[in-house]
Amino acid sequence: MSDDKLSLPDLEKSNAPVPPPDFGAAMGIEPAARSAADLEAVFDVPVKVSAVLGRSRMEVGELLKLGPGAVLELDRKVGEAIDIYVNDRLIARGEVVLVEDKLGVTMTEIIKAERN
């Protein structure tokens, strides 16, 4: 091992220097092509995905009076972004889209998770 020191970039700063293409080779690491197949081990891990259009608070008695065709007022306005949760963690915001005869969600903003 030589006395040459390699400075590592600060990944938290957006203006961090980008390592040269031969960075891995300089560290003695063989380059590896990455693909979706690299994640195959987690393909079968179940996750719960929720798209929250809005929320409403009511008493149980009011809830029991609701029937087919009832309109429920939510805390969001028409056209406002919806929240997308994965395993009860907010990961994105998006909008509702209609694909053929089914509802879908398009992600418009990814929420950066804050680590403790």
PDB file of N, CA and C in Angstrom:
ATOM      1  N   MET A   1       0.842  -1.173   0.000  1.00  0.00           N
ATOM      2  CA  MET A   1       0.000   0.000   0.000  1.00  0.00           C
ATOM      3  C   MET A   1       0.884   1.231   0.000  1.00  0.00           C
ATOM      4  N   SER A   2       0.592   2.211  -0.856  1.00  0.00           N
ATOM      5  CA  SER A   2       1.425   3.404  -0.953  1.00  0.00           C
ATOM      6  C   SER A   2       0.931   4.476   0.001  1.00  0.00           C
ATOM      7  N   ASP A   3       1.745   5.528   0.145  1.00  0.00           N
ATOM      8  CA  ASP A   3       1.358   6.644   1.011  1.00  0.00           C
ATOM      9  C   ASP A   3       0.432   7.623   0.311  1.00  0.00           C
ATOM     10  N   ASP A   4       0.130   7.414  -0.979  1.00  0.00           N
ATOM     11  CA  ASP A   4      -0.769   8.311  -1.706  1.00  0.00           C
ATOM     12  C   ASP A   4      -2.162   8.205  -1.106  1.00  0.00           C
ATOM     13  N   LYS A   5      -2.765   9.361  -0.849  1.00  0.00           N
ATOM     14  CA  LYS A   5      -4.115   9.359  -0.283  1.00  0.00           C
ATOM     15  C   LYS A   5      -5.094   9.813  -1.346  1.00  0.00           C
ATOM     16  N   LEU A   6      -6.220   9.184  -1.384  1.00  0.00           N
ATOM     17  CA  LEU A   6      -7.257   9.504  -2.337  1.00  0.00           C
ATOM     18  C   LEU A   6      -8.371  10.214  -1.589  1.00  0.00           C
ATOM     19  N   SER A   7      -8.691  11.444  -1.995  1.00  0.00           N
ATOM     20  CA  SER A   7      -9.766  12.160  -1.311  1.00  0.00           C
ATOM     21  C   SER A   7     -11.097  11.718  -1.892  1.00  0.00           C
ATOM     22  N   LEU A   8     -12.036  11.439  -1.020  1.00  0.00           N
ATOM     23  CA  LEU A   8     -13.364  10.997  -1.434  1.00  0.00           C
ATOM     24  C   LEU A   8     -14.288  12.191  -1.546  1.00  0.00           C
ATOM     25  N   PRO A   9     -15.185  12.198  -2.531  1.00  0.00           N
ATOM     26  CA  PRO A   9     -16.100  13.334  -2.689  1.00  0.00           C
ATOM     27  C   PRO A   9     -17.143  13.360  -1.581  1.00  0.00           C
ATOM     28  N   ASP A  10     -17.598  14.569  -1.234  1.00  0.00           N
ATOM     29  CA  ASP A  10     -18.677  14.738  -0.266  1.00  0.00           C
ATOM     30  C   ASP A  10     -19.985  14.602  -1.027  1.00  0.00           C
ATOM     31  N   LEU A  11     -20.675  13.470  -0.871  1.00  0.00           N
ATOM     32  CA  LEU A  11     -21.880  13.187  -1.635  1.00  0.00           C
ATOM     33  C   LEU A  11     -23.071  14.024  -1.209  1.00  0.00           C
ATOM     34  N   GLU A  12     -23.000  14.671  -0.061  1.00  0.00           N
ATOM     35  CA  GLU A  12     -24.097  15.499   0.411  1.00  0.00           C
ATOM     36  C   GLU A  12     -24.154  16.840  -0.317  1.00  0.00           C
ATOM     37  N   LYS A  13     -23.045  17.290  -0.894  1.00  0.00           N
ATOM     38  CA  LYS A  13     -22.999  18.575  -1.584  1.00  0.00           C
ATOM     39  C   LYS A  13     -23.217  18.344  -3.066  1.00  0.00           C
ATOM     40  N   SER A  14     -24.051  19.201  -3.673  1.00  0.00           N
ATOM     41  CA  SER A  14     -24.368  19.030  -5.079  1.00  0.00           C
ATOM     42  C   SER A  14     -23.191  19.391  -5.981  1.00  0.00           C
ATOM     43  N   ASN A  15     -22.233  20.191  -5.500  1.00  0.00           N
ATOM     44  CA  ASN A  15     -21.106  20.584  -6.328  1.00  0.00           C
ATOM     45  C   ASN A  15     -19.879  19.713  -6.066  1.00  0.00           C
ATOM     46  N   ALA A  16     -20.097  18.527  -5.546  1.00  0.00           N
ATOM     47  CA  ALA A  16     -18.991  17.617  -5.250  1.00  0.00           C
ATOM     48  C   ALA A  16     -18.358  17.156  -6.553  1.00  0.00           C
ATOM     49  N   PRO A  17     -17.035  16.980  -6.579  1.00  0.00           N
ATOM     50  CA  PRO A  17     -16.385  16.520  -7.810  1.00  0.00           C
ATOM     51  C   PRO A  17     -16.819  15.100  -8.143  1.00  0.00           C
ATOM     52  N   VAL A  18     -16.946  14.848  -9.422  1.00  0.00           N
ATOM     53  CA  VAL A  18     -17.336  13.525  -9.885  1.00  0.00           C
ATOM     54  C   VAL A  18     -16.075  12.700 -10.079  1.00  0.00           C
ATOM     55  N   PRO A  19     -16.029  11.480  -9.539  1.00  0.00           N
ATOM     56  CA  PRO A  19     -14.835  10.661  -9.704  1.00  0.00           C
ATOM     57  C   PRO A  19     -14.618  10.332 -11.175  1.00  0.00           C
ATOM     58  N   PRO A  20     -13.370  10.188 -11.601  1.00  0.00           N
ATOM     59  CA  PRO A  20     -13.098   9.860 -13.000  1.00  0.00           C
ATOM     60  C   PRO A  20     -13.630   8.479 -13.339  1.00  0.00           C
ATOM     61  N   PRO A  21     -13.840   8.218 -14.638  1.00  0.00           N
ATOM     62  CA  PRO A  21     -14.380   6.909 -15.038  1.00  0.00           C
ATOM     63  C   PRO A  21     -13.523   5.742 -14.571  1.00  0.00           C
ATOM     64  N   ASP A  22     -12.228   5.945 -14.405  1.00  0.00           N
ATOM     65  CA  ASP A  22     -11.345   4.856 -13.992  1.00  0.00           C
ATOM     66  C   ASP A  22     -11.156   4.808 -12.485  1.00  0.00           C
ATOM     67  N   PHE A  23     -12.075   5.441 -11.725  1.00  0.00           N
ATOM     68  CA  PHE A  23     -11.989   5.503 -10.268  1.00  0.00           C
ATOM     69  C   PHE A  23     -11.934   4.103  -9.659  1.00  0.00           C
ATOM     70  N   GLY A  24     -12.806   3.204 -10.113  1.00  0.00           N
ATOM     71  CA  GLY A  24     -12.837   1.841  -9.587  1.00  0.00           C
ATOM     72  C   GLY A  24     -11.549   1.104  -9.867  1.00  0.00           C
ATOM     73  N   ALA A  25     -11.024   1.287 -11.081  1.00  0.00           N
ATOM     74  CA  ALA A  25      -9.766   0.627 -11.442  1.00  0.00           C
ATOM     75  C   ALA A  25      -8.631   1.148 -10.580  1.00  0.00           C
ATOM     76  N   ALA A  26      -8.652   2.466 -10.276  1.00  0.00           N
ATOM     77  CA  ALA A  26      -7.618   3.049  -9.428  1.00  0.00           C
ATOM     78  C   ALA A  26      -7.672   2.459  -8.023  1.00  0.00           C
ATOM     79  N   MET A  27      -8.846   2.030  -7.597  1.00  0.00           N
ATOM     80  CA  MET A  27      -9.019   1.443  -6.270  1.00  0.00           C
ATOM     81  C   MET A  27      -8.855  -0.078  -6.309  1.00  0.00           C
ATOM     82  N   GLY A  28      -8.564  -0.631  -7.502  1.00  0.00           N
ATOM     83  CA  GLY A  28      -8.386  -2.075  -7.615  1.00  0.00           C
ATOM     84  C   GLY A  28      -9.692  -2.828  -7.675  1.00  0.00           C
ATOM     85  N   ILE A  29     -10.770  -2.138  -8.099  1.00  0.00           N
ATOM     86  CA  ILE A  29     -12.092  -2.756  -8.170  1.00  0.00           C
ATOM     87  C   ILE A  29     -12.430  -2.992  -9.634  1.00  0.00           C
ATOM     88  N   GLU A  30     -12.846  -4.202  -9.954  1.00  0.00           N
ATOM     89  CA  GLU A  30     -13.234  -4.526 -11.318  1.00  0.00           C
ATOM     90  C   GLU A  30     -14.574  -3.864 -11.618  1.00  0.00           C
ATOM     91  N   PRO A  31     -14.732  -3.242 -12.797  1.00  0.00           N
ATOM     92  CA  PRO A  31     -16.013  -2.636 -13.152  1.00  0.00           C
ATOM     93  C   PRO A  31     -17.078  -3.717 -13.323  1.00  0.00           C
ATOM     94  N   ALA A  32     -18.294  -3.423 -12.897  1.00  0.00           N
ATOM     95  CA  ALA A  32     -19.398  -4.376 -13.021  1.00  0.00           C
ATOM     96  C   ALA A  32     -20.598  -3.660 -13.613  1.00  0.00           C
ATOM     97  N   ALA A  33     -21.225  -4.280 -14.580  1.00  0.00           N
ATOM     98  CA  ALA A  33     -22.433  -3.712 -15.171  1.00  0.00           C
ATOM     99  C   ALA A  33     -23.588  -3.943 -14.204  1.00  0.00           C
ATOM    100  N   ARG A  34     -24.360  -2.904 -13.971  1.00  0.00           N
ATOM    101  CA  ARG A  34     -25.498  -3.033 -13.057  1.00  0.00           C
ATOM    102  C   ARG A  34     -26.789  -3.036 -13.861  1.00  0.00           C
ATOM    103  N   SER A  35     -27.723  -3.848 -13.421  1.00  0.00           N
ATOM    104  CA  SER A  35     -29.012  -3.936 -14.097  1.00  0.00           C
ATOM    105  C   SER A  35     -30.078  -4.296 -13.077  1.00  0.00           C
ATOM    106  N   ALA A  36     -31.307  -4.358 -13.543  1.00  0.00           N
ATOM    107  CA  ALA A  36     -32.412  -4.735 -12.662  1.00  0.00           C
ATOM    108  C   ALA A  36     -32.226  -6.133 -12.105  1.00  0.00           C
ATOM    109  N   ALA A  37     -31.508  -6.963 -12.805  1.00  0.00           N
ATOM    110  CA  ALA A  37     -31.267  -8.336 -12.340  1.00  0.00           C
ATOM    111  C   ALA A  37     -30.484  -8.347 -11.030  1.00  0.00           C
ATOM    112  N   ASP A  38     -29.699  -7.280 -10.771  1.00  0.00           N
ATOM    113  CA  ASP A  38     -28.953  -7.201  -9.511  1.00  0.00           C
ATOM    114  C   ASP A  38     -29.890  -7.123  -8.309  1.00  0.00           C
ATOM    115  N   LEU A  39     -31.107  -6.701  -8.527  1.00  0.00           N
ATOM    116  CA  LEU A  39     -32.085  -6.567  -7.440  1.00  0.00           C
ATOM    117  C   LEU A  39     -33.010  -7.767  -7.329  1.00  0.00           C
ATOM    118  N   GLU A  40     -32.720  -8.817  -8.076  1.00  0.00           N
ATOM    119  CA  GLU A  40     -33.602  -9.977  -8.124  1.00  0.00           C
ATOM    120  C   GLU A  40     -33.891 -10.560  -6.738  1.00  0.00           C
ATOM    121  N   ALA A  41     -32.954 -10.457  -5.816  1.00  0.00           N
ATOM    122  CA  ALA A  41     -33.145 -11.017  -4.474  1.00  0.00           C
ATOM    123  C   ALA A  41     -34.280 -10.340  -3.716  1.00  0.00           C
ATOM    124  N   VAL A  42     -34.630  -9.111  -4.072  1.00  0.00           N
ATOM    125  CA  VAL A  42     -35.685  -8.402  -3.336  1.00  0.00           C
ATOM    126  C   VAL A  42     -36.990  -8.296  -4.132  1.00  0.00           C
ATOM    127  N   PHE A  43     -37.053  -8.912  -5.307  1.00  0.00           N
ATOM    128  CA  PHE A  43     -38.259  -8.834  -6.130  1.00  0.00           C
ATOM    129  C   PHE A  43     -39.487  -9.399  -5.422  1.00  0.00           C
ATOM    130  N   ASP A  44     -39.320 -10.390  -4.563  1.00  0.00           N
ATOM    131  CA  ASP A  44     -40.452 -11.035  -3.905  1.00  0.00           C
ATOM    132  C   ASP A  44     -40.781 -10.440  -2.540  1.00  0.00           C
ATOM    133  N   VAL A  45     -40.091  -9.371  -2.137  1.00  0.00           N
ATOM    134  CA  VAL A  45     -40.353  -8.748  -0.842  1.00  0.00           C
ATOM    135  C   VAL A  45     -41.643  -7.928  -0.949  1.00  0.00           C
ATOM    136  N   PRO A  46     -42.647  -8.252  -0.141  1.00  0.00           N
ATOM    137  CA  PRO A  46     -43.907  -7.515  -0.239  1.00  0.00           C
ATOM    138  C   PRO A  46     -43.790  -6.122   0.383  1.00  0.00           C
ATOM    139  N   VAL A  47     -44.399  -5.144  -0.276  1.00  0.00           N
ATOM    140  CA  VAL A  47     -44.476  -3.785   0.255  1.00  0.00           C
ATOM    141  C   VAL A  47     -45.916  -3.312   0.126  1.00  0.00           C
ATOM    142  N   LYS A  48     -46.307  -2.411   1.005  1.00  0.00           N
ATOM    143  CA  LYS A  48     -47.649  -1.846   0.964  1.00  0.00           C
ATOM    144  C   LYS A  48     -47.547  -0.452   0.354  1.00  0.00           C
ATOM    145  N   VAL A  49     -48.210  -0.230  -0.770  1.00  0.00           N
ATOM    146  CA  VAL A  49     -48.206   1.068  -1.439  1.00  0.00           C
ATOM    147  C   VAL A  49     -49.585   1.690  -1.267  1.00  0.00           C
ATOM    148  N   SER A  50     -49.615   2.946  -0.801  1.00  0.00           N
ATOM    149  CA  SER A  50     -50.873   3.664  -0.602  1.00  0.00           C
ATOM    150  C   SER A  50     -50.803   5.000  -1.308  1.00  0.00           C
ATOM    151  N   ALA A  51     -51.873   5.346  -2.006  1.00  0.00           N
ATOM    152  CA  ALA A  51     -52.009   6.668  -2.620  1.00  0.00           C
ATOM    153  C   ALA A  51     -53.131   7.377  -1.873  1.00  0.00           C
ATOM    154  N   VAL A  52     -52.792   8.411  -1.124  1.00  0.00           N
ATOM    155  CA  VAL A  52     -53.766   9.088  -0.272  1.00  0.00           C
ATOM    156  C   VAL A  52     -54.292  10.326  -0.986  1.00  0.00           C
ATOM    157  N   LEU A  53     -55.567  10.284  -1.343  1.00  0.00           N
ATOM    158  CA  LEU A  53     -56.206  11.416  -2.017  1.00  0.00           C
ATOM    159  C   LEU A  53     -56.477  12.549  -1.048  1.00  0.00           C
ATOM    160  N   GLY A  54     -56.766  12.211   0.193  1.00  0.00           N
ATOM    161  CA  GLY A  54     -57.075  13.198   1.210  1.00  0.00           C
ATOM    162  C   GLY A  54     -57.591  12.501   2.458  1.00  0.00           C
ATOM    163  N   ARG A  55     -57.892  13.292   3.456  1.00  0.00           N
ATOM    164  CA  ARG A  55     -58.377  12.735   4.713  1.00  0.00           C
ATOM    165  C   ARG A  55     -59.646  13.473   5.146  1.00  0.00           C
ATOM    166  N   SER A  56     -60.417  12.787   5.956  1.00  0.00           N
ATOM    167  CA  SER A  56     -61.623  13.380   6.524  1.00  0.00           C
ATOM    168  C   SER A  56     -61.830  12.782   7.915  1.00  0.00           C
ATOM    169  N   ARG A  57     -62.335  13.575   8.817  1.00  0.00           N
ATOM    170  CA  ARG A  57     -62.576  13.110  10.181  1.00  0.00           C
ATOM    171  C   ARG A  57     -64.081  13.166  10.438  1.00  0.00           C
ATOM    172  N   MET A  58     -64.608  12.065  10.996  1.00  0.00           N
ATOM    173  CA  MET A  58     -66.036  12.018  11.325  1.00  0.00           C
ATOM    174  C   MET A  58     -66.273  11.028  12.451  1.00  0.00           C
ATOM    175  N   GLU A  59     -67.406  11.154  13.054  1.00  0.00           N
ATOM    176  CA  GLU A  59     -67.782  10.234  14.121  1.00  0.00           C
ATOM    177  C   GLU A  59     -68.288   8.930  13.515  1.00  0.00           C
ATOM    178  N   VAL A  60     -68.226   7.867  14.282  1.00  0.00           N
ATOM    179  CA  VAL A  60     -68.643   6.555  13.798  1.00  0.00           C
ATOM    180  C   VAL A  60     -70.108   6.584  13.353  1.00  0.00           C
ATOM    181  N   GLY A  61     -70.933   7.311  14.061  1.00  0.00           N
ATOM    182  CA  GLY A  61     -72.353   7.409  13.693  1.00  0.00           C
ATOM    183  C   GLY A  61     -72.538   8.001  12.305  1.00  0.00           C
ATOM    184  N   GLU A  62     -71.754   9.035  11.989  1.00  0.00           N
ATOM    185  CA  GLU A  62     -71.826   9.637  10.655  1.00  0.00           C
ATOM    186  C   GLU A  62     -71.349   8.652   9.590  1.00  0.00           C
ATOM    187  N   LEU A  63     -70.294   7.920   9.910  1.00  0.00           N
ATOM    188  CA  LEU A  63     -69.745   6.941   8.982  1.00  0.00           C
ATOM    189  C   LEU A  63     -70.779   5.863   8.656  1.00  0.00           C
ATOM    190  N   LEU A  64     -71.514   5.405   9.681  1.00  0.00           N
ATOM    191  CA  LEU A  64     -72.513   4.356   9.467  1.00  0.00           C
ATOM    192  C   LEU A  64     -73.692   4.834   8.632  1.00  0.00           C
ATOM    193  N   LYS A  65     -73.923   6.143   8.589  1.00  0.00           N
ATOM    194  CA  LYS A  65     -75.023   6.701   7.792  1.00  0.00           C
ATOM    195  C   LYS A  65     -74.670   6.841   6.320  1.00  0.00           C
ATOM    196  N   LEU A  66     -73.385   6.695   5.975  1.00  0.00           N
ATOM    197  CA  LEU A  66     -72.983   6.823   4.575  1.00  0.00           C
ATOM    198  C   LEU A  66     -73.529   5.654   3.769  1.00  0.00           C
ATOM    199  N   GLY A  67     -73.920   5.932   2.554  1.00  0.00           N
ATOM    200  CA  GLY A  67     -74.424   4.881   1.671  1.00  0.00           C
ATOM    201  C   GLY A  67     -73.861   5.080   0.280  1.00  0.00           C
ATOM    202  N   PRO A  68     -74.297   4.224  -0.645  1.00  0.00           N
ATOM    203  CA  PRO A  68     -73.838   4.352  -2.034  1.00  0.00           C
ATOM    204  C   PRO A  68     -74.140   5.752  -2.576  1.00  0.00           C
ATOM    205  N   GLY A  69     -73.152   6.342  -3.236  1.00  0.00           N
ATOM    206  CA  GLY A  69     -73.336   7.669  -3.826  1.00  0.00           C
ATOM    207  C   GLY A  69     -73.079   8.823  -2.875  1.00  0.00           C
ATOM    208  N   ALA A  70     -72.765   8.519  -1.605  1.00  0.00           N
ATOM    209  CA  ALA A  70     -72.501   9.589  -0.637  1.00  0.00           C
ATOM    210  C   ALA A  70     -71.227  10.332  -1.033  1.00  0.00           C
ATOM    211  N   VAL A  71     -71.227  11.645  -0.820  1.00  0.00           N
ATOM    212  CA  VAL A  71     -70.051  12.461  -1.128  1.00  0.00           C
ATOM    213  C   VAL A  71     -69.358  12.793   0.178  1.00  0.00           C
ATOM    214  N   LEU A  72     -68.063  12.549   0.211  1.00  0.00           N
ATOM    215  CA  LEU A  72     -67.278  12.764   1.414  1.00  0.00           C
ATOM    216  C   LEU A  72     -66.287  13.886   1.141  1.00  0.00           C
ATOM    217  N   GLU A  73     -66.334  14.954   1.942  1.00  0.00           N
ATOM    218  CA  GLU A  73     -65.424  16.079   1.747  1.00  0.00           C
ATOM    219  C   GLU A  73     -64.061  15.746   2.342  1.00  0.00           C
ATOM    220  N   LEU A  74     -63.017  15.944   1.530  1.00  0.00           N
ATOM    221  CA  LEU A  74     -61.651  15.671   1.963  1.00  0.00           C
ATOM    222  C   LEU A  74     -60.927  16.977   2.254  1.00  0.00           C
ATOM    223  N   ASP A  75     -59.755  16.872   2.863  1.00  0.00           N
ATOM    224  CA  ASP A  75     -58.990  18.059   3.236  1.00  0.00           C
ATOM    225  C   ASP A  75     -58.092  18.575   2.108  1.00  0.00           C
ATOM    226  N   ARG A  76     -58.318  18.129   0.888  1.00  0.00           N
ATOM    227  CA  ARG A  76     -57.524  18.564  -0.272  1.00  0.00           C
ATOM    228  C   ARG A  76     -58.438  19.201  -1.305  1.00  0.00           C
ATOM    229  N   LYS A  77     -57.840  20.011  -2.146  1.00  0.00           N
ATOM    230  CA  LYS A  77     -58.582  20.641  -3.230  1.00  0.00           C
ATOM    231  C   LYS A  77     -58.390  19.834  -4.516  1.00  0.00           C
ATOM    232  N   VAL A  78     -59.288  20.020  -5.463  1.00  0.00           N
ATOM    233  CA  VAL A  78     -59.185  19.364  -6.759  1.00  0.00           C
ATOM    234  C   VAL A  78     -57.889  19.809  -7.425  1.00  0.00           C
ATOM    235  N   GLY A  79     -57.132  18.852  -7.950  1.00  0.00           N
ATOM    236  CA  GLY A  79     -55.884  19.158  -8.633  1.00  0.00           C
ATOM    237  C   GLY A  79     -54.672  19.218  -7.721  1.00  0.00           C
ATOM    238  N   GLU A  80     -54.886  19.180  -6.408  1.00  0.00           N
ATOM    239  CA  GLU A  80     -53.767  19.201  -5.465  1.00  0.00           C
ATOM    240  C   GLU A  80     -53.082  17.832  -5.475  1.00  0.00           C
ATOM    241  N   ALA A  81     -51.764  17.823  -5.277  1.00  0.00           N
ATOM    242  CA  ALA A  81     -50.989  16.581  -5.306  1.00  0.00           C
ATOM    243  C   ALA A  81     -51.473  15.614  -4.231  1.00  0.00           C
ATOM    244  N   ILE A  82     -51.397  14.325  -4.558  1.00  0.00           N
ATOM    245  CA  ILE A  82     -51.725  13.288  -3.588  1.00  0.00           C
ATOM    246  C   ILE A  82     -50.432  12.751  -2.989  1.00  0.00           C
ATOM    247  N   ASP A  83     -50.510  12.137  -1.825  1.00  0.00           N
ATOM    248  CA  ASP A  83     -49.346  11.571  -1.157  1.00  0.00           C
ATOM    249  C   ASP A  83     -49.239  10.090  -1.497  1.00  0.00           C
ATOM    250  N   ILE A  84     -48.006   9.631  -1.773  1.00  0.00           N
ATOM    251  CA  ILE A  84     -47.756   8.230  -2.088  1.00  0.00           C
ATOM    252  C   ILE A  84     -46.858   7.667  -0.991  1.00  0.00           C
ATOM    253  N   TYR A  85     -47.356   6.643  -0.319  1.00  0.00           N
ATOM    254  CA  TYR A  85     -46.639   6.015   0.791  1.00  0.00           C
ATOM    255  C   TYR A  85     -46.212   4.611   0.400  1.00  0.00           C
ATOM    256  N   VAL A  86     -45.023   4.198   0.853  1.00  0.00           N
ATOM    257  CA  VAL A  86     -44.578   2.806   0.747  1.00  0.00           C
ATOM    258  C   VAL A  86     -44.246   2.368   2.162  1.00  0.00           C
ATOM    259  N   ASN A  87     -44.934   1.322   2.617  1.00  0.00           N
ATOM    260  CA  ASN A  87     -44.790   0.828   3.993  1.00  0.00           C
ATOM    261  C   ASN A  87     -44.958   1.964   5.000  1.00  0.00           C
ATOM    262  N   ASP A  88     -45.982   2.763   4.820  1.00  0.00           N
ATOM    263  CA  ASP A  88     -46.357   3.867   5.717  1.00  0.00           C
ATOM    264  C   ASP A  88     -45.318   4.982   5.774  1.00  0.00           C
ATOM    265  N   ARG A  89     -44.428   5.060   4.800  1.00  0.00           N
ATOM    266  CA  ARG A  89     -43.446   6.149   4.736  1.00  0.00           C
ATOM    267  C   ARG A  89     -43.712   6.957   3.473  1.00  0.00           C
ATOM    268  N   LEU A  90     -43.865   8.275   3.621  1.00  0.00           N
ATOM    269  CA  LEU A  90     -44.093   9.153   2.484  1.00  0.00           C
ATOM    270  C   LEU A  90     -42.862   9.142   1.585  1.00  0.00           C
ATOM    271  N   ILE A  91     -43.039   8.730   0.325  1.00  0.00           N
ATOM    272  CA  ILE A  91     -41.896   8.671  -0.590  1.00  0.00           C
ATOM    273  C   ILE A  91     -42.056   9.591  -1.792  1.00  0.00           C
ATOM    274  N   ALA A  92     -43.304   9.990  -2.096  1.00  0.00           N
ATOM    275  CA  ALA A  92     -43.506  10.806  -3.293  1.00  0.00           C
ATOM    276  C   ALA A  92     -44.854  11.517  -3.239  1.00  0.00           C
ATOM    277  N   ARG A  93     -45.010  12.470  -4.147  1.00  0.00           N
ATOM    278  CA  ARG A  93     -46.300  13.117  -4.383  1.00  0.00           C
ATOM    279  C   ARG A  93     -46.602  12.934  -5.861  1.00  0.00           C
ATOM    280  N   GLY A  94     -47.865  12.945  -6.194  1.00  0.00           N
ATOM    281  CA  GLY A  94     -48.223  12.715  -7.588  1.00  0.00           C
ATOM    282  C   GLY A  94     -49.618  13.192  -7.896  1.00  0.00           C
ATOM    283  N   GLU A  95     -50.094  12.787  -9.065  1.00  0.00           N
ATOM    284  CA  GLU A  95     -51.438  13.164  -9.474  1.00  0.00           C
ATOM    285  C   GLU A  95     -52.161  11.936 -10.013  1.00  0.00           C
ATOM    286  N   VAL A  96     -53.476  11.985  -9.895  1.00  0.00           N
ATOM    287  CA  VAL A  96     -54.313  10.882 -10.351  1.00  0.00           C
ATOM    288  C   VAL A  96     -54.467  10.992 -11.867  1.00  0.00           C
ATOM    289  N   VAL A  97     -54.322   9.860 -12.549  1.00  0.00           N
ATOM    290  CA  VAL A  97     -54.491   9.812 -14.004  1.00  0.00           C
ATOM    291  C   VAL A  97     -55.477   8.714 -14.344  1.00  0.00           C
ATOM    292  N   LEU A  98     -56.086   8.836 -15.509  1.00  0.00           N
ATOM    293  CA  LEU A  98     -57.009   7.821 -15.998  1.00  0.00           C
ATOM    294  C   LEU A  98     -56.331   7.100 -17.152  1.00  0.00           C
ATOM    295  N   VAL A  99     -56.126   5.792 -17.001  1.00  0.00           N
ATOM    296  CA  VAL A  99     -55.509   4.969 -18.035  1.00  0.00           C
ATOM    297  C   VAL A  99     -56.561   3.980 -18.505  1.00  0.00           C
ATOM    298  N   GLU A 100     -57.025   4.157 -19.731  1.00  0.00           N
ATOM    299  CA  GLU A 100     -58.155   3.419 -20.270  1.00  0.00           C
ATOM    300  C   GLU A 100     -59.332   3.611 -19.320  1.00  0.00           C
ATOM    301  N   ASP A 101     -59.785   2.569 -18.629  1.00  0.00           N
ATOM    302  CA  ASP A 101     -60.912   2.728 -17.715  1.00  0.00           C
ATOM    303  C   ASP A 101     -60.496   2.531 -16.257  1.00  0.00           C
ATOM    304  N   LYS A 102     -59.197   2.677 -15.988  1.00  0.00           N
ATOM    305  CA  LYS A 102     -58.696   2.472 -14.623  1.00  0.00           C
ATOM    306  C   LYS A 102     -57.989   3.725 -14.120  1.00  0.00           C
ATOM    307  N   LEU A 103     -58.041   3.929 -12.804  1.00  0.00           N
ATOM    308  CA  LEU A 103     -57.328   5.037 -12.182  1.00  0.00           C
ATOM    309  C   LEU A 103     -55.882   4.631 -11.928  1.00  0.00           C
ATOM    310  N   GLY A 104     -54.987   5.583 -12.068  1.00  0.00           N
ATOM    311  CA  GLY A 104     -53.584   5.346 -11.793  1.00  0.00           C
ATOM    312  C   GLY A 104     -52.990   6.567 -11.123  1.00  0.00           C
ATOM    313  N   VAL A 105     -51.715   6.499 -10.803  1.00  0.00           N
ATOM    314  CA  VAL A 105     -51.023   7.608 -10.149  1.00  0.00           C
ATOM    315  C   VAL A 105     -49.714   7.840 -10.887  1.00  0.00           C
ATOM    316  N   THR A 106     -49.440   9.097 -11.195  1.00  0.00           N
ATOM    317  CA  THR A 106     -48.157   9.490 -11.775  1.00  0.00           C
ATOM    318  C   THR A 106     -47.371  10.227 -10.708  1.00  0.00           C
ATOM    319  N   MET A 107     -46.148   9.784 -10.439  1.00  0.00           N
ATOM    320  CA  MET A 107     -45.300  10.472  -9.458  1.00  0.00           C
ATOM    321  C   MET A 107     -44.735  11.729 -10.089  1.00  0.00           C
ATOM    322  N   THR A 108     -44.911  12.860  -9.412  1.00  0.00           N
ATOM    323  CA  THR A 108     -44.405  14.131  -9.922  1.00  0.00           C
ATOM    324  C   THR A 108     -43.280  14.687  -9.059  1.00  0.00           C
ATOM    325  N   GLU A 109     -43.143  14.167  -7.845  1.00  0.00           N
ATOM    326  CA  GLU A 109     -42.115  14.663  -6.917  1.00  0.00           C
ATOM    327  C   GLU A 109     -41.685  13.528  -6.008  1.00  0.00           C
ATOM    328  N   ILE A 110     -40.393  13.284  -5.915  1.00  0.00           N
ATOM    329  CA  ILE A 110     -39.857  12.287  -4.994  1.00  0.00           C
ATOM    330  C   ILE A 110     -39.478  12.997  -3.714  1.00  0.00           C
ATOM    331  N   ILE A 111     -39.899  12.458  -2.587  1.00  0.00           N
ATOM    332  CA  ILE A 111     -39.616  13.056  -1.279  1.00  0.00           C
ATOM    333  C   ILE A 111     -38.328  12.446  -0.735  1.00  0.00           C
ATOM    334  N   LYS A 112     -37.350  13.273  -0.466  1.00  0.00           N
ATOM    335  CA  LYS A 112     -36.083  12.784   0.082  1.00  0.00           C
ATOM    336  C   LYS A 112     -36.288  12.429   1.544  1.00  0.00           C
ATOM    337  N   ALA A 113     -35.957  11.190   1.887  1.00  0.00           N
ATOM    338  CA  ALA A 113     -36.122  10.727   3.273  1.00  0.00           C
ATOM    339  C   ALA A 113     -35.046  11.336   4.163  1.00  0.00           C
ATOM    340  N   GLU A 114     -35.445  11.763   5.340  1.00  0.00           N
ATOM    341  CA  GLU A 114     -34.476  12.274   6.296  1.00  0.00           C
ATOM    342  C   GLU A 114     -34.109  11.128   7.222  1.00  0.00           C
ATOM    343  N   ARG A 115     -32.821  10.861   7.323  1.00  0.00           N
ATOM    344  CA  ARG A 115     -32.318   9.769   8.163  1.00  0.00           C
ATOM    345  C   ARG A 115     -32.024  10.285   9.562  1.00  0.00           C
ATOM    346  N   ASN A 116     -32.301   9.462  10.552  1.00  0.00           N
ATOM    347  CA  ASN A 116     -32.003   9.855  11.943  1.00  0.00           C
ATOM    348  C   ASN A 116     -30.602   9.466  12.313  1.00  0.00           C
TER     349      ASN A 116
END
